[in-house]
Amino acid sequence: MDFLPDREEMLLKLYSTYENFPLGKTDMIDDATQFGAAVASARKALGLTQRELALAINSGERFIVDLEAGKPTAQLGKALAAAKAVGLLLTATGISQA
């Protein structure tokens, strides 16, 4: 049986690796497939498995698999948590309504 670190250890690993994560790259994401690919790429750059990311955001591994595959009906809250956990910065742009 595989050893699984506890959630606190996973979060520490995630947050301590942010300083080494390549910053400054910006890409327009137009659909769920591109969003999932961005999460997968960032996760792999951090050396995390899908299972480890799922544990870090208190979700199931199946959710991460579906998210990275571009499932368009993935829950937004969990998708945003996964993006944040792997260091993706999401920015809303458009017309400002004062």
N, C-alpha and C. Protein backbone atom coordinates (compact mmCIF):
# COMPACT_ATOMS: atom_id res chain seq x y z
N MET A 1 0.83 -1.18 0.00
CA MET A 1 0.00 0.00 0.00
C MET A 1 0.88 1.24 0.00
N ASP A 2 0.52 2.24 -0.79
CA ASP A 2 1.27 3.49 -0.88
C ASP A 2 1.10 4.32 0.37
N PHE A 3 2.18 4.98 0.76
CA PHE A 3 2.10 5.92 1.87
C PHE A 3 1.53 7.23 1.36
N LEU A 4 0.54 7.73 2.03
CA LEU A 4 -0.04 9.02 1.68
C LEU A 4 0.21 10.02 2.80
N PRO A 5 0.85 11.15 2.48
CA PRO A 5 1.07 12.15 3.52
C PRO A 5 -0.26 12.76 3.94
N ASP A 6 -0.28 13.28 5.16
CA ASP A 6 -1.52 13.91 5.59
C ASP A 6 -1.71 15.24 4.87
N ARG A 7 -2.91 15.79 4.99
CA ARG A 7 -3.28 17.00 4.27
C ARG A 7 -2.35 18.17 4.60
N GLU A 8 -1.96 18.31 5.87
CA GLU A 8 -1.09 19.41 6.27
C GLU A 8 0.28 19.32 5.60
N GLU A 9 0.82 18.09 5.53
CA GLU A 9 2.10 17.90 4.85
C GLU A 9 1.99 18.27 3.37
N MET A 10 0.87 17.89 2.75
CA MET A 10 0.68 18.20 1.33
C MET A 10 0.60 19.71 1.12
N LEU A 11 -0.15 20.40 1.95
CA LEU A 11 -0.27 21.86 1.80
C LEU A 11 1.08 22.53 1.99
N LEU A 12 1.86 22.07 2.96
CA LEU A 12 3.18 22.63 3.19
C LEU A 12 4.06 22.43 1.97
N LYS A 13 3.99 21.25 1.38
CA LYS A 13 4.77 20.98 0.17
C LYS A 13 4.35 21.90 -0.96
N LEU A 14 3.03 22.07 -1.13
CA LEU A 14 2.53 22.94 -2.18
C LEU A 14 3.02 24.37 -2.00
N TYR A 15 2.80 24.92 -0.82
CA TYR A 15 3.11 26.33 -0.60
C TYR A 15 4.60 26.60 -0.53
N SER A 16 5.40 25.64 -0.12
CA SER A 16 6.84 25.86 -0.07
C SER A 16 7.48 25.80 -1.45
N THR A 17 6.79 25.22 -2.43
CA THR A 17 7.35 25.13 -3.78
C THR A 17 6.95 26.29 -4.66
N TYR A 18 6.04 27.14 -4.21
CA TYR A 18 5.61 28.27 -5.04
C TYR A 18 6.77 29.18 -5.44
N GLU A 19 7.74 29.37 -4.53
CA GLU A 19 8.83 30.28 -4.84
C GLU A 19 9.68 29.77 -5.99
N ASN A 20 9.64 28.47 -6.27
CA ASN A 20 10.42 27.90 -7.37
C ASN A 20 9.60 27.75 -8.65
N PHE A 21 8.33 28.08 -8.58
CA PHE A 21 7.45 27.90 -9.72
C PHE A 21 7.67 29.03 -10.73
N PRO A 22 7.75 28.72 -12.04
CA PRO A 22 7.99 29.78 -13.03
C PRO A 22 6.84 30.79 -13.06
N LEU A 23 7.17 32.03 -12.82
CA LEU A 23 6.16 33.09 -12.79
C LEU A 23 6.26 33.94 -14.04
N GLY A 24 5.20 34.66 -14.32
CA GLY A 24 5.22 35.62 -15.41
C GLY A 24 4.66 35.12 -16.73
N LYS A 25 4.39 33.85 -16.85
CA LYS A 25 3.84 33.32 -18.09
C LYS A 25 2.33 33.53 -18.07
N THR A 26 1.81 34.13 -19.12
CA THR A 26 0.37 34.34 -19.20
C THR A 26 -0.18 33.74 -20.48
N ASP A 27 -1.24 33.04 -20.36
CA ASP A 27 -1.93 32.43 -21.49
C ASP A 27 -3.42 32.67 -21.33
N MET A 28 -4.09 32.96 -22.44
CA MET A 28 -5.54 33.09 -22.43
C MET A 28 -6.13 31.69 -22.41
N ILE A 29 -7.04 31.47 -21.48
CA ILE A 29 -7.74 30.18 -21.40
C ILE A 29 -9.16 30.39 -21.88
N ASP A 30 -9.51 29.66 -22.93
CA ASP A 30 -10.81 29.85 -23.57
C ASP A 30 -11.84 28.78 -23.25
N ASP A 31 -11.40 27.65 -22.71
CA ASP A 31 -12.37 26.57 -22.47
C ASP A 31 -11.87 25.64 -21.37
N ALA A 32 -12.72 24.69 -21.01
CA ALA A 32 -12.42 23.76 -19.91
C ALA A 32 -11.21 22.89 -20.23
N THR A 33 -11.01 22.54 -21.48
CA THR A 33 -9.88 21.71 -21.85
C THR A 33 -8.57 22.44 -21.61
N GLN A 34 -8.51 23.70 -21.97
CA GLN A 34 -7.29 24.50 -21.75
C GLN A 34 -7.06 24.73 -20.25
N PHE A 35 -8.14 24.96 -19.50
CA PHE A 35 -8.01 25.15 -18.05
C PHE A 35 -7.46 23.87 -17.42
N GLY A 36 -8.02 22.73 -17.80
CA GLY A 36 -7.55 21.45 -17.26
C GLY A 36 -6.09 21.19 -17.60
N ALA A 37 -5.70 21.54 -18.82
CA ALA A 37 -4.31 21.35 -19.23
C ALA A 37 -3.38 22.25 -18.42
N ALA A 38 -3.82 23.46 -18.12
CA ALA A 38 -3.01 24.37 -17.31
C ALA A 38 -2.83 23.83 -15.89
N VAL A 39 -3.91 23.31 -15.31
CA VAL A 39 -3.82 22.71 -13.97
C VAL A 39 -2.88 21.51 -14.00
N ALA A 40 -3.03 20.65 -14.99
CA ALA A 40 -2.18 19.46 -15.10
C ALA A 40 -0.71 19.84 -15.24
N SER A 41 -0.43 20.81 -16.08
CA SER A 41 0.95 21.26 -16.30
C SER A 41 1.56 21.81 -15.02
N ALA A 42 0.81 22.65 -14.32
CA ALA A 42 1.31 23.23 -13.07
C ALA A 42 1.50 22.15 -12.00
N ARG A 43 0.57 21.20 -11.94
CA ARG A 43 0.67 20.11 -10.97
C ARG A 43 1.93 19.29 -11.21
N LYS A 44 2.17 18.96 -12.46
CA LYS A 44 3.35 18.17 -12.81
C LYS A 44 4.63 18.93 -12.54
N ALA A 45 4.63 20.25 -12.78
CA ALA A 45 5.81 21.07 -12.50
C ALA A 45 6.15 21.07 -11.01
N LEU A 46 5.13 20.91 -10.18
CA LEU A 46 5.33 20.84 -8.73
C LEU A 46 5.69 19.43 -8.26
N GLY A 47 5.63 18.46 -9.18
CA GLY A 47 5.95 17.08 -8.83
C GLY A 47 4.87 16.37 -8.04
N LEU A 48 3.63 16.81 -8.22
CA LEU A 48 2.51 16.22 -7.49
C LEU A 48 1.77 15.22 -8.36
N THR A 49 1.23 14.20 -7.73
CA THR A 49 0.35 13.28 -8.42
C THR A 49 -1.07 13.85 -8.36
N GLN A 50 -1.95 13.30 -9.17
CA GLN A 50 -3.35 13.71 -9.11
C GLN A 50 -3.93 13.41 -7.74
N ARG A 51 -3.53 12.30 -7.18
CA ARG A 51 -4.01 11.91 -5.85
C ARG A 51 -3.57 12.91 -4.78
N GLU A 52 -2.32 13.34 -4.85
CA GLU A 52 -1.80 14.31 -3.89
C GLU A 52 -2.52 15.65 -4.00
N LEU A 53 -2.78 16.10 -5.22
CA LEU A 53 -3.51 17.35 -5.40
C LEU A 53 -4.93 17.22 -4.85
N ALA A 54 -5.57 16.10 -5.11
CA ALA A 54 -6.92 15.87 -4.59
C ALA A 54 -6.94 15.94 -3.07
N LEU A 55 -5.96 15.32 -2.43
CA LEU A 55 -5.88 15.36 -0.97
C LEU A 55 -5.65 16.79 -0.47
N ALA A 56 -4.83 17.53 -1.18
CA ALA A 56 -4.51 18.90 -0.76
C ALA A 56 -5.72 19.82 -0.79
N ILE A 57 -6.66 19.56 -1.70
CA ILE A 57 -7.85 20.42 -1.78
C ILE A 57 -9.08 19.74 -1.21
N ASN A 58 -8.86 18.63 -0.52
CA ASN A 58 -9.96 17.91 0.13
C ASN A 58 -11.03 17.48 -0.88
N SER A 59 -10.55 16.85 -1.95
CA SER A 59 -11.44 16.40 -3.02
C SER A 59 -11.07 14.97 -3.37
N GLY A 60 -11.83 14.38 -4.28
CA GLY A 60 -11.53 13.04 -4.75
C GLY A 60 -10.61 13.08 -5.96
N GLU A 61 -9.83 12.02 -6.12
CA GLU A 61 -8.93 11.93 -7.26
C GLU A 61 -9.69 11.98 -8.59
N ARG A 62 -10.90 11.41 -8.61
CA ARG A 62 -11.72 11.41 -9.82
C ARG A 62 -11.99 12.84 -10.29
N PHE A 63 -12.20 13.77 -9.34
CA PHE A 63 -12.43 15.16 -9.71
C PHE A 63 -11.23 15.73 -10.45
N ILE A 64 -10.02 15.46 -9.95
CA ILE A 64 -8.81 15.98 -10.59
C ILE A 64 -8.65 15.38 -11.99
N VAL A 65 -8.89 14.08 -12.10
CA VAL A 65 -8.81 13.42 -13.40
C VAL A 65 -9.77 14.09 -14.39
N ASP A 66 -11.02 14.29 -13.98
CA ASP A 66 -12.01 14.92 -14.85
C ASP A 66 -11.65 16.37 -15.18
N LEU A 67 -11.20 17.11 -14.17
CA LEU A 67 -10.82 18.51 -14.38
C LEU A 67 -9.70 18.62 -15.40
N GLU A 68 -8.66 17.82 -15.23
CA GLU A 68 -7.53 17.87 -16.14
C GLU A 68 -7.88 17.37 -17.54
N ALA A 69 -8.92 16.56 -17.64
CA ALA A 69 -9.38 16.07 -18.94
C ALA A 69 -10.28 17.10 -19.64
N GLY A 70 -10.59 18.19 -18.94
CA GLY A 70 -11.39 19.24 -19.55
C GLY A 70 -12.88 19.07 -19.41
N LYS A 71 -13.32 18.35 -18.40
CA LYS A 71 -14.75 18.15 -18.19
C LYS A 71 -15.42 19.52 -17.98
N PRO A 72 -16.32 19.91 -18.86
CA PRO A 72 -16.91 21.25 -18.79
C PRO A 72 -17.87 21.45 -17.63
N THR A 73 -18.30 20.38 -16.98
CA THR A 73 -19.26 20.53 -15.89
C THR A 73 -18.60 20.41 -14.51
N ALA A 74 -17.27 20.54 -14.46
CA ALA A 74 -16.56 20.47 -13.17
C ALA A 74 -17.03 21.61 -12.27
N GLN A 75 -17.14 21.33 -10.99
CA GLN A 75 -17.59 22.34 -10.03
C GLN A 75 -16.60 23.49 -9.97
N LEU A 76 -17.09 24.71 -10.14
CA LEU A 76 -16.22 25.87 -10.19
C LEU A 76 -15.41 26.06 -8.91
N GLY A 77 -16.04 25.91 -7.77
CA GLY A 77 -15.32 26.10 -6.51
C GLY A 77 -14.15 25.16 -6.36
N LYS A 78 -14.35 23.90 -6.68
CA LYS A 78 -13.27 22.92 -6.59
C LYS A 78 -12.21 23.20 -7.66
N ALA A 79 -12.64 23.60 -8.85
CA ALA A 79 -11.69 23.90 -9.92
C ALA A 79 -10.81 25.08 -9.53
N LEU A 80 -11.39 26.09 -8.92
CA LEU A 80 -10.61 27.24 -8.48
C LEU A 80 -9.65 26.85 -7.35
N ALA A 81 -10.09 25.97 -6.46
CA ALA A 81 -9.22 25.50 -5.38
C ALA A 81 -8.03 24.74 -5.95
N ALA A 82 -8.27 23.92 -6.95
CA ALA A 82 -7.18 23.16 -7.58
C ALA A 82 -6.21 24.11 -8.27
N ALA A 83 -6.72 25.10 -8.97
CA ALA A 83 -5.86 26.08 -9.64
C ALA A 83 -5.00 26.82 -8.63
N LYS A 84 -5.61 27.26 -7.56
CA LYS A 84 -4.88 27.98 -6.51
C LYS A 84 -3.82 27.09 -5.88
N ALA A 85 -4.15 25.84 -5.63
CA ALA A 85 -3.23 24.91 -4.98
C ALA A 85 -1.97 24.67 -5.80
N VAL A 86 -2.08 24.74 -7.13
CA VAL A 86 -0.90 24.51 -7.97
C VAL A 86 -0.26 25.83 -8.42
N GLY A 87 -0.75 26.94 -7.88
CA GLY A 87 -0.10 28.22 -8.12
C GLY A 87 -0.58 29.00 -9.33
N LEU A 88 -1.70 28.60 -9.91
CA LEU A 88 -2.22 29.36 -11.04
C LEU A 88 -2.93 30.60 -10.53
N LEU A 89 -2.62 31.74 -11.11
CA LEU A 89 -3.24 32.99 -10.76
C LEU A 89 -4.29 33.30 -11.81
N LEU A 90 -5.53 33.42 -11.40
CA LEU A 90 -6.62 33.72 -12.33
C LEU A 90 -6.99 35.19 -12.20
N THR A 91 -7.14 35.84 -13.34
CA THR A 91 -7.47 37.25 -13.36
C THR A 91 -8.68 37.47 -14.25
N ALA A 92 -9.63 38.24 -13.76
CA ALA A 92 -10.80 38.61 -14.57
C ALA A 92 -10.49 39.91 -15.27
N THR A 93 -10.74 39.94 -16.56
CA THR A 93 -10.55 41.17 -17.32
C THR A 93 -11.81 41.44 -18.12
N GLY A 94 -11.99 42.66 -18.51
CA GLY A 94 -13.15 43.01 -19.30
C GLY A 94 -13.56 44.44 -19.00
N ILE A 95 -14.78 44.72 -19.28
CA ILE A 95 -15.31 46.07 -19.08
C ILE A 95 -15.61 46.28 -17.60
N SER A 96 -15.04 47.34 -17.05
CA SER A 96 -15.27 47.67 -15.65
C SER A 96 -16.60 48.38 -15.51
N GLN A 97 -17.38 47.95 -14.53
CA GLN A 97 -18.66 48.60 -14.25
C GLN A 97 -18.55 49.28 -12.90
N ALA A 98 -18.40 50.59 -12.93
CA ALA A 98 -18.18 51.36 -11.70
C ALA A 98 -19.41 51.55 -10.89
